[in-house]
Amino acid sequence: MDTPRRLLRLTSVIGLLALLQGCAMSWIRHAAPQDASTPEFTVVAGRMNYIVDGQLMAPYGSAPRWGAPNLIALRMEDGNPYVFPQVDEATGAFRLKVPPGAYVVSQIGPPIQPDRHTTWPRLVLCVPTTQGEVLNVGHLQLQGTRYRETYTLSTGSEQVSQGVRYRFAVVDEGGPGRRSLFREVPDLPIGQRLQERWQQDKAGLIRQVCG
């Protein structure tokens, strides 16, 4: 992905966060092994990993290796952005205490490697209120395919565009029991359209996201 386009996408994310949020960014906290869900926080567990050209990129680390991904998501009930911590470097696992709600993911990627960020992937996470449980959200796979393409400018000069294109899949690893899963919503509004829909019909947007 070329730098100007990446900066434009990141700027659109930052701008929407500023417009929607009612307060500063909130940080999702790790859950201890003994923690279980309360009415205030639902404990969720799962994995999130890059799989590029069929290769699992974990274990993660600093450049030139792939950094461990985290994500930023907007909670539709209040419009506030939440930062989810980076996953475990060895396995991509996470165990978190998340306020219940309907979350729209605005960005995924290693914090220290902005060139590997994916913005507005049309992924949602629906976190119900529960008591005493740990909900498994499955294995979110960021399935990437490397590309290198040549294109011609209006001036006639040729340029090369290269990077990684992603699709997303969730593999259920939780066994029997109640779950809250990541899922794709192909017709979900993003960017400015998401802001407008949220302002016009918040309840309807939450129903579209999480049913």
N, C-alpha and C. Protein backbone atom coordinates (compact mmCIF):
# COMPACT_ATOMS: atom_id res chain seq x y z
N MET A 1 0.85 -1.19 0.00
CA MET A 1 0.00 0.00 0.00
C MET A 1 0.88 1.24 0.00
N ASP A 2 0.59 2.20 -0.86
CA ASP A 2 1.45 3.37 -0.93
C ASP A 2 1.19 4.28 0.25
N THR A 3 2.18 5.07 0.63
CA THR A 3 2.11 5.88 1.83
C THR A 3 0.97 6.89 1.84
N PRO A 4 0.75 7.69 0.75
CA PRO A 4 -0.36 8.65 0.81
C PRO A 4 -1.71 8.00 1.08
N ARG A 5 -1.98 6.86 0.45
CA ARG A 5 -3.26 6.19 0.67
C ARG A 5 -3.38 5.71 2.11
N ARG A 6 -2.29 5.17 2.65
CA ARG A 6 -2.31 4.69 4.03
C ARG A 6 -2.58 5.84 5.00
N LEU A 7 -1.90 6.98 4.78
CA LEU A 7 -2.11 8.11 5.66
C LEU A 7 -3.53 8.63 5.57
N LEU A 8 -4.11 8.60 4.36
CA LEU A 8 -5.49 9.04 4.19
C LEU A 8 -6.44 8.16 4.99
N ARG A 9 -6.21 6.84 4.93
CA ARG A 9 -7.09 5.92 5.66
C ARG A 9 -6.95 6.12 7.16
N LEU A 10 -5.72 6.27 7.65
CA LEU A 10 -5.51 6.47 9.08
C LEU A 10 -6.14 7.77 9.53
N THR A 11 -6.04 8.82 8.70
CA THR A 11 -6.65 10.10 9.04
C THR A 11 -8.15 9.97 9.15
N SER A 12 -8.77 9.19 8.26
CA SER A 12 -10.23 9.02 8.32
C SER A 12 -10.64 8.29 9.59
N VAL A 13 -9.84 7.32 10.03
CA VAL A 13 -10.14 6.61 11.27
C VAL A 13 -10.05 7.55 12.44
N ILE A 14 -8.95 8.33 12.52
CA ILE A 14 -8.76 9.25 13.64
C ILE A 14 -9.87 10.28 13.69
N GLY A 15 -10.26 10.79 12.50
CA GLY A 15 -11.32 11.78 12.46
C GLY A 15 -12.64 11.24 12.95
N LEU A 16 -12.98 10.01 12.56
CA LEU A 16 -14.25 9.43 12.99
C LEU A 16 -14.22 9.16 14.49
N LEU A 17 -13.08 8.72 15.02
CA LEU A 17 -12.99 8.50 16.46
C LEU A 17 -13.27 9.79 17.20
N ALA A 18 -12.71 10.89 16.71
CA ALA A 18 -12.91 12.17 17.37
C ALA A 18 -14.37 12.61 17.31
N LEU A 19 -15.06 12.29 16.21
CA LEU A 19 -16.46 12.69 16.06
C LEU A 19 -17.40 11.85 16.89
N LEU A 20 -17.13 10.55 16.98
CA LEU A 20 -18.04 9.66 17.68
C LEU A 20 -17.84 9.65 19.19
N GLN A 21 -16.61 9.72 19.60
CA GLN A 21 -16.33 9.43 21.00
C GLN A 21 -16.89 10.52 21.92
N GLY A 22 -17.42 10.06 23.05
CA GLY A 22 -17.89 10.98 24.06
C GLY A 22 -16.82 11.27 25.10
N CYS A 23 -15.74 10.51 25.11
CA CYS A 23 -14.65 10.71 26.05
C CYS A 23 -13.38 10.16 25.41
N ALA A 24 -12.29 10.16 26.17
CA ALA A 24 -11.01 9.70 25.64
C ALA A 24 -11.06 8.20 25.34
N MET A 25 -10.06 7.73 24.57
CA MET A 25 -9.97 6.30 24.28
C MET A 25 -9.91 5.49 25.58
N SER A 26 -10.57 4.35 25.55
CA SER A 26 -10.55 3.43 26.70
C SER A 26 -9.69 2.23 26.33
N TRP A 27 -9.04 1.66 27.33
CA TRP A 27 -8.15 0.53 27.11
C TRP A 27 -8.74 -0.73 27.73
N ILE A 28 -8.92 -1.74 26.90
CA ILE A 28 -9.40 -3.03 27.39
C ILE A 28 -8.30 -3.68 28.22
N ARG A 29 -8.68 -4.27 29.34
CA ARG A 29 -7.69 -4.87 30.25
C ARG A 29 -7.61 -6.37 30.08
N HIS A 30 -6.42 -6.90 30.36
CA HIS A 30 -6.24 -8.34 30.38
C HIS A 30 -7.04 -8.95 31.53
N ALA A 31 -7.50 -10.18 31.35
CA ALA A 31 -8.19 -10.92 32.41
C ALA A 31 -7.24 -11.96 32.99
N ALA A 32 -7.23 -12.07 34.29
CA ALA A 32 -6.40 -13.08 34.95
C ALA A 32 -7.03 -14.46 34.77
N PRO A 33 -6.25 -15.53 34.94
CA PRO A 33 -6.79 -16.89 34.75
C PRO A 33 -8.01 -17.18 35.61
N GLN A 34 -8.07 -16.56 36.79
CA GLN A 34 -9.19 -16.84 37.69
C GLN A 34 -10.39 -15.94 37.44
N ASP A 35 -10.27 -14.95 36.58
CA ASP A 35 -11.37 -14.02 36.34
C ASP A 35 -12.48 -14.66 35.52
N ALA A 36 -13.73 -14.32 35.88
CA ALA A 36 -14.90 -14.71 35.10
C ALA A 36 -15.79 -13.49 34.93
N SER A 37 -16.80 -13.63 34.09
CA SER A 37 -17.63 -12.48 33.73
C SER A 37 -18.46 -11.97 34.90
N THR A 38 -18.65 -10.64 34.90
CA THR A 38 -19.53 -9.94 35.83
C THR A 38 -20.48 -9.08 34.99
N PRO A 39 -21.52 -8.49 35.58
CA PRO A 39 -22.38 -7.62 34.79
C PRO A 39 -21.64 -6.44 34.15
N GLU A 40 -20.53 -6.02 34.74
CA GLU A 40 -19.78 -4.88 34.22
C GLU A 40 -18.82 -5.26 33.09
N PHE A 41 -18.18 -6.44 33.21
CA PHE A 41 -17.21 -6.89 32.22
C PHE A 41 -17.46 -8.35 31.86
N THR A 42 -17.44 -8.62 30.56
CA THR A 42 -17.52 -9.99 30.08
C THR A 42 -16.11 -10.47 29.75
N VAL A 43 -15.73 -11.61 30.29
CA VAL A 43 -14.41 -12.17 30.01
C VAL A 43 -14.48 -12.96 28.71
N VAL A 44 -13.66 -12.56 27.75
CA VAL A 44 -13.62 -13.23 26.45
C VAL A 44 -12.21 -13.78 26.23
N ALA A 45 -12.14 -14.92 25.57
CA ALA A 45 -10.86 -15.55 25.27
C ALA A 45 -10.86 -16.02 23.83
N GLY A 46 -9.69 -16.08 23.23
CA GLY A 46 -9.57 -16.55 21.86
C GLY A 46 -8.17 -16.34 21.34
N ARG A 47 -8.05 -16.31 20.02
CA ARG A 47 -6.76 -16.06 19.37
C ARG A 47 -6.97 -15.14 18.17
N MET A 48 -5.92 -14.39 17.82
CA MET A 48 -5.92 -13.57 16.61
C MET A 48 -4.54 -13.67 15.99
N ASN A 49 -4.49 -14.09 14.72
CA ASN A 49 -3.21 -14.34 14.08
C ASN A 49 -3.21 -13.92 12.61
N TYR A 50 -2.04 -13.44 12.18
CA TYR A 50 -1.78 -13.27 10.75
C TYR A 50 -1.41 -14.62 10.15
N ILE A 51 -2.01 -14.91 9.00
CA ILE A 51 -1.63 -16.07 8.20
C ILE A 51 -1.44 -15.54 6.78
N VAL A 52 -0.19 -15.38 6.36
CA VAL A 52 0.12 -14.73 5.08
C VAL A 52 0.67 -15.76 4.11
N ASP A 53 0.04 -15.86 2.95
CA ASP A 53 0.39 -16.86 1.94
C ASP A 53 0.46 -18.25 2.57
N GLY A 54 -0.50 -18.51 3.46
CA GLY A 54 -0.61 -19.82 4.09
C GLY A 54 0.32 -20.04 5.26
N GLN A 55 1.14 -19.05 5.61
CA GLN A 55 2.12 -19.21 6.69
C GLN A 55 1.70 -18.43 7.93
N LEU A 56 1.63 -19.12 9.06
CA LEU A 56 1.36 -18.46 10.33
C LEU A 56 2.54 -17.57 10.70
N MET A 57 2.28 -16.29 10.97
CA MET A 57 3.36 -15.33 11.21
C MET A 57 3.83 -15.32 12.65
N ALA A 58 3.12 -15.97 13.57
CA ALA A 58 3.60 -16.12 14.94
C ALA A 58 4.73 -17.15 14.96
N PRO A 59 5.69 -17.02 15.90
CA PRO A 59 5.76 -16.02 16.97
C PRO A 59 6.10 -14.64 16.44
N TYR A 60 5.52 -13.62 17.10
CA TYR A 60 5.69 -12.25 16.69
C TYR A 60 6.88 -11.62 17.40
N GLY A 61 7.29 -10.45 16.91
CA GLY A 61 8.41 -9.74 17.51
C GLY A 61 8.59 -8.40 16.84
N SER A 62 9.77 -7.82 16.98
CA SER A 62 10.06 -6.54 16.37
C SER A 62 10.55 -6.74 14.94
N ALA A 63 10.55 -5.65 14.17
CA ALA A 63 10.97 -5.72 12.76
C ALA A 63 12.38 -6.32 12.66
N PRO A 64 12.62 -7.14 11.62
CA PRO A 64 11.78 -7.34 10.43
C PRO A 64 10.68 -8.37 10.61
N ARG A 65 10.54 -8.95 11.82
CA ARG A 65 9.44 -9.89 12.05
C ARG A 65 8.12 -9.11 12.12
N TRP A 66 7.04 -9.85 12.02
CA TRP A 66 5.72 -9.24 12.15
C TRP A 66 5.45 -8.95 13.62
N GLY A 67 4.91 -7.76 13.90
CA GLY A 67 4.53 -7.42 15.26
C GLY A 67 3.21 -8.08 15.63
N ALA A 68 3.04 -8.32 16.92
CA ALA A 68 1.78 -8.90 17.40
C ALA A 68 0.64 -7.91 17.17
N PRO A 69 -0.47 -8.34 16.55
CA PRO A 69 -1.55 -7.39 16.26
C PRO A 69 -2.39 -7.06 17.48
N ASN A 70 -2.96 -5.88 17.45
CA ASN A 70 -4.05 -5.53 18.34
C ASN A 70 -5.14 -4.90 17.48
N LEU A 71 -6.19 -4.41 18.10
CA LEU A 71 -7.24 -3.76 17.32
C LEU A 71 -7.86 -2.62 18.10
N ILE A 72 -8.48 -1.72 17.34
CA ILE A 72 -9.29 -0.63 17.89
C ILE A 72 -10.71 -0.84 17.39
N ALA A 73 -11.68 -0.72 18.29
CA ALA A 73 -13.07 -0.93 17.91
C ALA A 73 -13.95 0.13 18.55
N LEU A 74 -15.01 0.52 17.83
CA LEU A 74 -15.98 1.49 18.33
C LEU A 74 -17.15 0.75 18.95
N ARG A 75 -17.48 1.10 20.18
CA ARG A 75 -18.63 0.50 20.87
C ARG A 75 -19.86 1.32 20.50
N MET A 76 -20.81 0.69 19.84
CA MET A 76 -21.94 1.41 19.28
C MET A 76 -22.88 1.98 20.33
N GLU A 77 -22.91 1.41 21.50
CA GLU A 77 -23.80 1.92 22.55
C GLU A 77 -23.45 3.35 22.96
N ASP A 78 -22.15 3.68 22.98
CA ASP A 78 -21.75 5.02 23.40
C ASP A 78 -20.86 5.75 22.39
N GLY A 79 -20.47 5.07 21.31
CA GLY A 79 -19.63 5.69 20.30
C GLY A 79 -18.18 5.84 20.67
N ASN A 80 -17.77 5.26 21.79
CA ASN A 80 -16.40 5.43 22.26
C ASN A 80 -15.46 4.38 21.67
N PRO A 81 -14.21 4.78 21.37
CA PRO A 81 -13.22 3.83 20.86
C PRO A 81 -12.55 3.08 22.00
N TYR A 82 -12.35 1.79 21.79
CA TYR A 82 -11.67 0.94 22.76
C TYR A 82 -10.44 0.31 22.09
N VAL A 83 -9.32 0.38 22.79
CA VAL A 83 -8.08 -0.22 22.31
C VAL A 83 -7.91 -1.58 22.98
N PHE A 84 -7.87 -2.63 22.18
CA PHE A 84 -7.65 -3.98 22.68
C PHE A 84 -6.15 -4.25 22.67
N PRO A 85 -5.59 -4.83 23.73
CA PRO A 85 -4.14 -5.01 23.80
C PRO A 85 -3.63 -6.01 22.78
N GLN A 86 -2.31 -5.95 22.53
CA GLN A 86 -1.69 -6.89 21.62
C GLN A 86 -1.85 -8.32 22.13
N VAL A 87 -1.97 -9.24 21.21
CA VAL A 87 -2.13 -10.65 21.56
C VAL A 87 -0.79 -11.22 22.01
N ASP A 88 -0.82 -12.41 22.57
CA ASP A 88 0.38 -13.09 23.01
C ASP A 88 1.34 -13.29 21.84
N GLU A 89 2.62 -12.96 22.04
CA GLU A 89 3.59 -13.02 20.95
C GLU A 89 3.83 -14.44 20.45
N ALA A 90 3.69 -15.42 21.31
CA ALA A 90 4.00 -16.80 20.92
C ALA A 90 2.84 -17.46 20.17
N THR A 91 1.60 -17.20 20.61
CA THR A 91 0.46 -17.96 20.10
C THR A 91 -0.65 -17.12 19.50
N GLY A 92 -0.65 -15.81 19.75
CA GLY A 92 -1.76 -14.97 19.33
C GLY A 92 -2.97 -15.05 20.25
N ALA A 93 -2.82 -15.66 21.40
CA ALA A 93 -3.94 -15.83 22.33
C ALA A 93 -4.23 -14.53 23.09
N PHE A 94 -5.47 -14.41 23.54
CA PHE A 94 -5.85 -13.29 24.40
C PHE A 94 -6.93 -13.75 25.37
N ARG A 95 -7.00 -13.07 26.50
CA ARG A 95 -8.04 -13.27 27.51
C ARG A 95 -8.29 -11.89 28.13
N LEU A 96 -9.49 -11.33 27.88
CA LEU A 96 -9.72 -9.92 28.14
C LEU A 96 -11.02 -9.69 28.91
N LYS A 97 -11.08 -8.54 29.59
CA LYS A 97 -12.29 -8.09 30.29
C LYS A 97 -12.90 -6.96 29.47
N VAL A 98 -14.03 -7.25 28.81
CA VAL A 98 -14.60 -6.33 27.82
C VAL A 98 -15.98 -5.86 28.28
N PRO A 99 -16.25 -4.55 28.29
CA PRO A 99 -17.60 -4.09 28.58
C PRO A 99 -18.58 -4.65 27.54
N PRO A 100 -19.71 -5.18 27.94
CA PRO A 100 -20.66 -5.73 26.97
C PRO A 100 -21.08 -4.67 25.95
N GLY A 101 -21.30 -5.11 24.72
CA GLY A 101 -21.74 -4.18 23.70
C GLY A 101 -21.49 -4.69 22.30
N ALA A 102 -21.87 -3.84 21.33
CA ALA A 102 -21.69 -4.14 19.91
C ALA A 102 -20.50 -3.32 19.41
N TYR A 103 -19.44 -4.00 18.99
CA TYR A 103 -18.20 -3.33 18.60
C TYR A 103 -17.98 -3.44 17.10
N VAL A 104 -17.65 -2.30 16.47
CA VAL A 104 -17.25 -2.27 15.07
C VAL A 104 -15.75 -2.02 15.02
N VAL A 105 -15.01 -2.93 14.40
CA VAL A 105 -13.55 -2.80 14.35
C VAL A 105 -13.18 -1.72 13.34
N SER A 106 -12.38 -0.75 13.78
CA SER A 106 -11.94 0.31 12.88
C SER A 106 -10.51 0.10 12.39
N GLN A 107 -9.71 -0.65 13.14
CA GLN A 107 -8.32 -0.86 12.72
C GLN A 107 -7.75 -2.11 13.38
N ILE A 108 -6.96 -2.86 12.62
CA ILE A 108 -6.22 -4.01 13.13
C ILE A 108 -4.78 -3.86 12.68
N GLY A 109 -3.84 -4.18 13.56
CA GLY A 109 -2.45 -4.17 13.13
C GLY A 109 -1.48 -4.04 14.28
N PRO A 110 -0.20 -4.32 14.04
CA PRO A 110 0.81 -4.12 15.08
C PRO A 110 1.00 -2.62 15.34
N PRO A 111 0.92 -2.17 16.59
CA PRO A 111 1.06 -0.73 16.86
C PRO A 111 2.36 -0.13 16.33
N ILE A 112 3.44 -0.91 16.31
CA ILE A 112 4.75 -0.38 15.92
C ILE A 112 5.00 -0.52 14.41
N GLN A 113 4.03 -1.07 13.67
CA GLN A 113 4.21 -1.26 12.23
C GLN A 113 2.97 -0.75 11.49
N PRO A 114 2.82 0.58 11.37
CA PRO A 114 1.61 1.14 10.75
C PRO A 114 1.42 0.73 9.30
N ASP A 115 2.50 0.33 8.61
CA ASP A 115 2.34 -0.10 7.23
C ASP A 115 1.59 -1.42 7.12
N ARG A 116 1.41 -2.10 8.24
CA ARG A 116 0.67 -3.37 8.24
C ARG A 116 -0.72 -3.22 8.87
N HIS A 117 -1.20 -2.00 9.01
CA HIS A 117 -2.54 -1.78 9.54
C HIS A 117 -3.60 -2.03 8.47
N THR A 118 -4.70 -2.59 8.90
CA THR A 118 -5.89 -2.74 8.06
C THR A 118 -7.00 -1.90 8.67
N THR A 119 -7.56 -0.97 7.89
CA THR A 119 -8.61 -0.10 8.41
C THR A 119 -9.97 -0.49 7.85
N TRP A 120 -10.99 -0.37 8.71
CA TRP A 120 -12.38 -0.66 8.37
C TRP A 120 -12.55 -2.02 7.69
N PRO A 121 -12.19 -3.09 8.39
CA PRO A 121 -12.31 -4.42 7.78
C PRO A 121 -13.73 -4.99 7.76
N ARG A 122 -14.72 -4.22 8.22
CA ARG A 122 -16.11 -4.68 8.31
C ARG A 122 -16.22 -5.93 9.19
N LEU A 123 -15.50 -5.89 10.29
CA LEU A 123 -15.57 -6.93 11.31
C LEU A 123 -16.28 -6.38 12.54
N VAL A 124 -17.09 -7.21 13.17
CA VAL A 124 -17.77 -6.80 14.39
C VAL A 124 -17.52 -7.86 15.48
N LEU A 125 -17.68 -7.42 16.70
CA LEU A 125 -17.60 -8.31 17.85
C LEU A 125 -18.78 -8.01 18.75
N CYS A 126 -19.62 -9.00 19.00
CA CYS A 126 -20.82 -8.83 19.81
C CYS A 126 -20.59 -9.47 21.18
N VAL A 127 -20.57 -8.64 22.20
CA VAL A 127 -20.22 -9.10 23.55
C VAL A 127 -21.45 -8.99 24.44
N PRO A 128 -22.08 -10.10 24.80
CA PRO A 128 -23.27 -10.05 25.64
C PRO A 128 -22.91 -9.88 27.12
N THR A 129 -23.91 -9.51 27.89
CA THR A 129 -23.76 -9.50 29.34
C THR A 129 -23.97 -10.91 29.86
N THR A 130 -23.08 -11.36 30.73
CA THR A 130 -23.22 -12.69 31.31
C THR A 130 -22.57 -12.69 32.69
N GLN A 131 -22.79 -13.74 33.43
CA GLN A 131 -22.29 -13.82 34.81
C GLN A 131 -21.57 -15.15 35.01
N GLY A 132 -20.32 -15.08 35.45
CA GLY A 132 -19.59 -16.28 35.84
C GLY A 132 -19.03 -17.10 34.70
N GLU A 133 -19.18 -16.64 33.45
CA GLU A 133 -18.71 -17.39 32.30
C GLU A 133 -17.45 -16.79 31.71
N VAL A 134 -16.79 -17.57 30.86
CA VAL A 134 -15.75 -17.08 29.97
C VAL A 134 -16.19 -17.43 28.56
N LEU A 135 -16.37 -16.43 27.71
CA LEU A 135 -16.87 -16.66 26.36
C LEU A 135 -15.70 -16.78 25.39
N ASN A 136 -15.70 -17.83 24.59
CA ASN A 136 -14.66 -18.02 23.60
C ASN A 136 -15.11 -17.40 22.27
N VAL A 137 -14.31 -16.46 21.76
CA VAL A 137 -14.69 -15.76 20.53
C VAL A 137 -14.05 -16.40 19.30
N GLY A 138 -13.36 -17.53 19.48
CA GLY A 138 -12.79 -18.23 18.35
C GLY A 138 -11.42 -17.70 17.96
N HIS A 139 -10.92 -18.20 16.83
CA HIS A 139 -9.61 -17.82 16.30
C HIS A 139 -9.84 -16.91 15.11
N LEU A 140 -9.60 -15.61 15.29
CA LEU A 140 -9.72 -14.66 14.20
C LEU A 140 -8.45 -14.73 13.35
N GLN A 141 -8.61 -15.15 12.11
CA GLN A 141 -7.47 -15.31 11.21
C GLN A 141 -7.45 -14.17 10.19
N LEU A 142 -6.34 -13.44 10.17
CA LEU A 142 -6.12 -12.38 9.20
C LEU A 142 -5.37 -13.01 8.04
N GLN A 143 -6.11 -13.49 7.07
CA GLN A 143 -5.54 -14.29 5.98
C GLN A 143 -5.10 -13.37 4.85
N GLY A 144 -3.77 -13.23 4.70
CA GLY A 144 -3.23 -12.29 3.74
C GLY A 144 -2.63 -12.97 2.52
N THR A 145 -2.67 -12.25 1.40
CA THR A 145 -2.04 -12.68 0.16
C THR A 145 -1.17 -11.54 -0.33
N ARG A 146 0.12 -11.80 -0.49
CA ARG A 146 1.02 -10.76 -0.99
C ARG A 146 0.75 -10.48 -2.47
N TYR A 147 0.89 -9.22 -2.88
CA TYR A 147 0.71 -8.86 -4.28
C TYR A 147 1.77 -7.83 -4.69
N ARG A 148 2.05 -7.80 -5.96
CA ARG A 148 2.92 -6.80 -6.58
C ARG A 148 2.36 -6.50 -7.96
N GLU A 149 1.94 -5.26 -8.18
CA GLU A 149 1.24 -4.89 -9.40
C GLU A 149 1.88 -3.63 -10.01
N THR A 150 1.91 -3.59 -11.31
CA THR A 150 2.41 -2.42 -12.04
C THR A 150 1.22 -1.66 -12.62
N TYR A 151 1.23 -0.35 -12.47
CA TYR A 151 0.17 0.47 -13.05
C TYR A 151 0.79 1.70 -13.71
N THR A 152 0.04 2.31 -14.62
CA THR A 152 0.54 3.43 -15.40
C THR A 152 -0.18 4.71 -15.01
N LEU A 153 0.60 5.75 -14.71
CA LEU A 153 0.05 7.06 -14.37
C LEU A 153 -0.41 7.77 -15.63
N SER A 154 -1.16 8.86 -15.44
CA SER A 154 -1.64 9.64 -16.60
C SER A 154 -0.48 10.25 -17.38
N THR A 155 0.67 10.39 -16.72
CA THR A 155 1.86 10.93 -17.39
C THR A 155 2.54 9.89 -18.27
N GLY A 156 2.10 8.64 -18.14
CA GLY A 156 2.71 7.56 -18.90
C GLY A 156 3.77 6.78 -18.16
N SER A 157 4.20 7.27 -17.01
CA SER A 157 5.22 6.55 -16.24
C SER A 157 4.58 5.39 -15.50
N GLU A 158 5.36 4.35 -15.28
CA GLU A 158 4.88 3.15 -14.59
C GLU A 158 5.30 3.17 -13.12
N GLN A 159 4.40 2.73 -12.27
CA GLN A 159 4.65 2.62 -10.84
C GLN A 159 4.34 1.21 -10.39
N VAL A 160 4.92 0.83 -9.26
CA VAL A 160 4.69 -0.50 -8.70
C VAL A 160 3.97 -0.35 -7.37
N SER A 161 2.90 -1.08 -7.21
CA SER A 161 2.16 -1.14 -5.95
C SER A 161 2.31 -2.55 -5.39
N GLN A 162 2.66 -2.64 -4.12
CA GLN A 162 2.80 -3.96 -3.52
C GLN A 162 2.37 -3.90 -2.06
N GLY A 163 2.02 -5.04 -1.55
CA GLY A 163 1.56 -5.12 -0.17
C GLY A 163 0.88 -6.44 0.09
N VAL A 164 -0.07 -6.45 1.01
CA VAL A 164 -0.81 -7.65 1.38
C VAL A 164 -2.30 -7.32 1.39
N ARG A 165 -3.09 -8.14 0.73
CA ARG A 165 -4.54 -8.02 0.78
C ARG A 165 -5.08 -9.08 1.74
N TYR A 166 -6.10 -8.70 2.51
CA TYR A 166 -6.59 -9.59 3.57
C TYR A 166 -8.05 -9.99 3.35
N ARG A 167 -8.32 -11.19 3.77
CA ARG A 167 -9.68 -11.61 4.05
C ARG A 167 -9.67 -12.13 5.48
N PHE A 168 -10.86 -12.31 6.06
CA PHE A 168 -10.94 -12.66 7.48
C PHE A 168 -11.78 -13.90 7.66
N ALA A 169 -11.36 -14.73 8.59
CA ALA A 169 -12.10 -15.95 8.90
C ALA A 169 -12.05 -16.17 10.40
N VAL A 170 -13.12 -16.73 10.95
CA VAL A 170 -13.15 -17.09 12.36
C VAL A 170 -13.31 -18.59 12.47
N VAL A 171 -12.35 -19.24 13.11
CA VAL A 171 -12.39 -20.68 13.32
C VAL A 171 -12.84 -20.92 14.75
N ASP A 172 -13.90 -21.67 14.92
CA ASP A 172 -14.45 -21.94 16.25
C ASP A 172 -13.57 -22.94 16.98
N GLU A 173 -12.98 -22.50 18.08
CA GLU A 173 -12.11 -23.36 18.87
C GLU A 173 -12.61 -23.52 20.30
N GLY A 174 -13.84 -23.10 20.56
CA GLY A 174 -14.30 -23.01 21.94
C GLY A 174 -14.93 -24.25 22.53
N GLY A 175 -15.23 -25.28 21.71
CA GLY A 175 -15.93 -26.42 22.25
C GLY A 175 -17.38 -26.07 22.53
N PRO A 176 -18.11 -26.93 23.24
CA PRO A 176 -19.52 -26.68 23.51
C PRO A 176 -19.71 -25.51 24.46
N GLY A 177 -20.85 -24.85 24.36
CA GLY A 177 -21.16 -23.76 25.27
C GLY A 177 -21.47 -22.47 24.54
N ARG A 178 -21.82 -21.46 25.34
CA ARG A 178 -22.22 -20.17 24.80
C ARG A 178 -21.00 -19.42 24.28
N ARG A 179 -21.19 -18.68 23.17
CA ARG A 179 -20.07 -17.95 22.57
C ARG A 179 -20.50 -16.57 22.10
N SER A 180 -19.51 -15.73 21.94
CA SER A 180 -19.69 -14.46 21.25
C SER A 180 -18.60 -14.39 20.19
N LEU A 181 -18.96 -14.41 18.92
CA LEU A 181 -17.99 -14.57 17.85
C LEU A 181 -17.75 -13.28 17.08
N PHE A 182 -16.48 -13.09 16.67
CA PHE A 182 -16.21 -12.13 15.61
C PHE A 182 -16.95 -12.58 14.35
N ARG A 183 -17.39 -11.63 13.55
CA ARG A 183 -17.96 -11.99 12.26
C ARG A 183 -17.85 -10.82 11.30
N GLU A 184 -17.85 -11.12 10.02
CA GLU A 184 -17.86 -10.09 8.99
C GLU A 184 -19.29 -9.68 8.68
N VAL A 185 -19.49 -8.38 8.44
CA VAL A 185 -20.78 -7.85 7.98
C VAL A 185 -20.51 -7.11 6.68
N PRO A 186 -20.68 -7.78 5.52
CA PRO A 186 -20.25 -7.19 4.24
C PRO A 186 -20.89 -5.85 3.90
N ASP A 187 -22.15 -5.63 4.34
CA ASP A 187 -22.83 -4.38 4.00
C ASP A 187 -22.77 -3.34 5.12
N LEU A 188 -21.86 -3.52 6.07
CA LEU A 188 -21.74 -2.59 7.19
C LEU A 188 -21.21 -1.25 6.70
N PRO A 189 -21.85 -0.13 7.06
CA PRO A 189 -21.29 1.17 6.69
C PRO A 189 -19.98 1.42 7.43
N ILE A 190 -19.05 2.10 6.79
CA ILE A 190 -17.75 2.39 7.40
C ILE A 190 -17.43 3.87 7.21
N GLY A 191 -16.43 4.34 7.95
CA GLY A 191 -15.98 5.71 7.81
C GLY A 191 -17.09 6.72 8.08
N GLN A 192 -17.20 7.71 7.20
CA GLN A 192 -18.20 8.77 7.36
C GLN A 192 -19.61 8.21 7.36
N ARG A 193 -19.87 7.19 6.55
CA ARG A 193 -21.21 6.60 6.50
C ARG A 193 -21.58 5.95 7.83
N LEU A 194 -20.60 5.37 8.50
CA LEU A 194 -20.86 4.79 9.82
C LEU A 194 -21.24 5.87 10.81
N GLN A 195 -20.53 6.98 10.78
CA GLN A 195 -20.85 8.09 11.67
C GLN A 195 -22.27 8.58 11.43
N GLU A 196 -22.63 8.76 10.16
CA GLU A 196 -23.97 9.26 9.83
C GLU A 196 -25.04 8.28 10.28
N ARG A 197 -24.82 7.00 10.04
CA ARG A 197 -25.82 5.99 10.45
C ARG A 197 -25.94 5.96 11.96
N TRP A 198 -24.81 6.07 12.66
CA TRP A 198 -24.83 6.05 14.13
C TRP A 198 -25.62 7.22 14.68
N GLN A 199 -25.45 8.39 14.08
CA GLN A 199 -26.14 9.58 14.54
C GLN A 199 -27.64 9.51 14.24
N GLN A 200 -28.01 8.90 13.12
CA GLN A 200 -29.40 8.86 12.69
C GLN A 200 -30.20 7.74 13.36
N ASP A 201 -29.56 6.59 13.56
CA ASP A 201 -30.31 5.41 14.01
C ASP A 201 -29.38 4.46 14.76
N LYS A 202 -29.00 4.86 15.96
CA LYS A 202 -28.06 4.05 16.74
C LYS A 202 -28.63 2.67 17.05
N ALA A 203 -29.88 2.62 17.46
CA ALA A 203 -30.51 1.34 17.80
C ALA A 203 -30.56 0.40 16.57
N GLY A 204 -30.91 0.96 15.40
CA GLY A 204 -30.96 0.16 14.20
C GLY A 204 -29.58 -0.35 13.79
N LEU A 205 -28.55 0.46 14.00
CA LEU A 205 -27.19 0.04 13.69
C LEU A 205 -26.76 -1.10 14.60
N ILE A 206 -27.10 -1.01 15.86
CA ILE A 206 -26.75 -2.07 16.80
C ILE A 206 -27.44 -3.37 16.40
N ARG A 207 -28.72 -3.28 15.97
CA ARG A 207 -29.41 -4.48 15.51
C ARG A 207 -28.72 -5.07 14.29
N GLN A 208 -28.27 -4.21 13.36
CA GLN A 208 -27.59 -4.71 12.16
C GLN A 208 -26.27 -5.38 12.55
N VAL A 209 -25.57 -4.84 13.51
CA VAL A 209 -24.27 -5.37 13.90
C VAL A 209 -24.41 -6.70 14.64
N CYS A 210 -25.34 -6.73 15.60
CA CYS A 210 -25.39 -7.89 16.50
C CYS A 210 -26.76 -8.58 16.57
N GLY A 211 -27.74 -8.09 15.83
CA GLY A 211 -29.02 -8.76 15.81
C GLY A 211 -29.90 -8.44 17.01
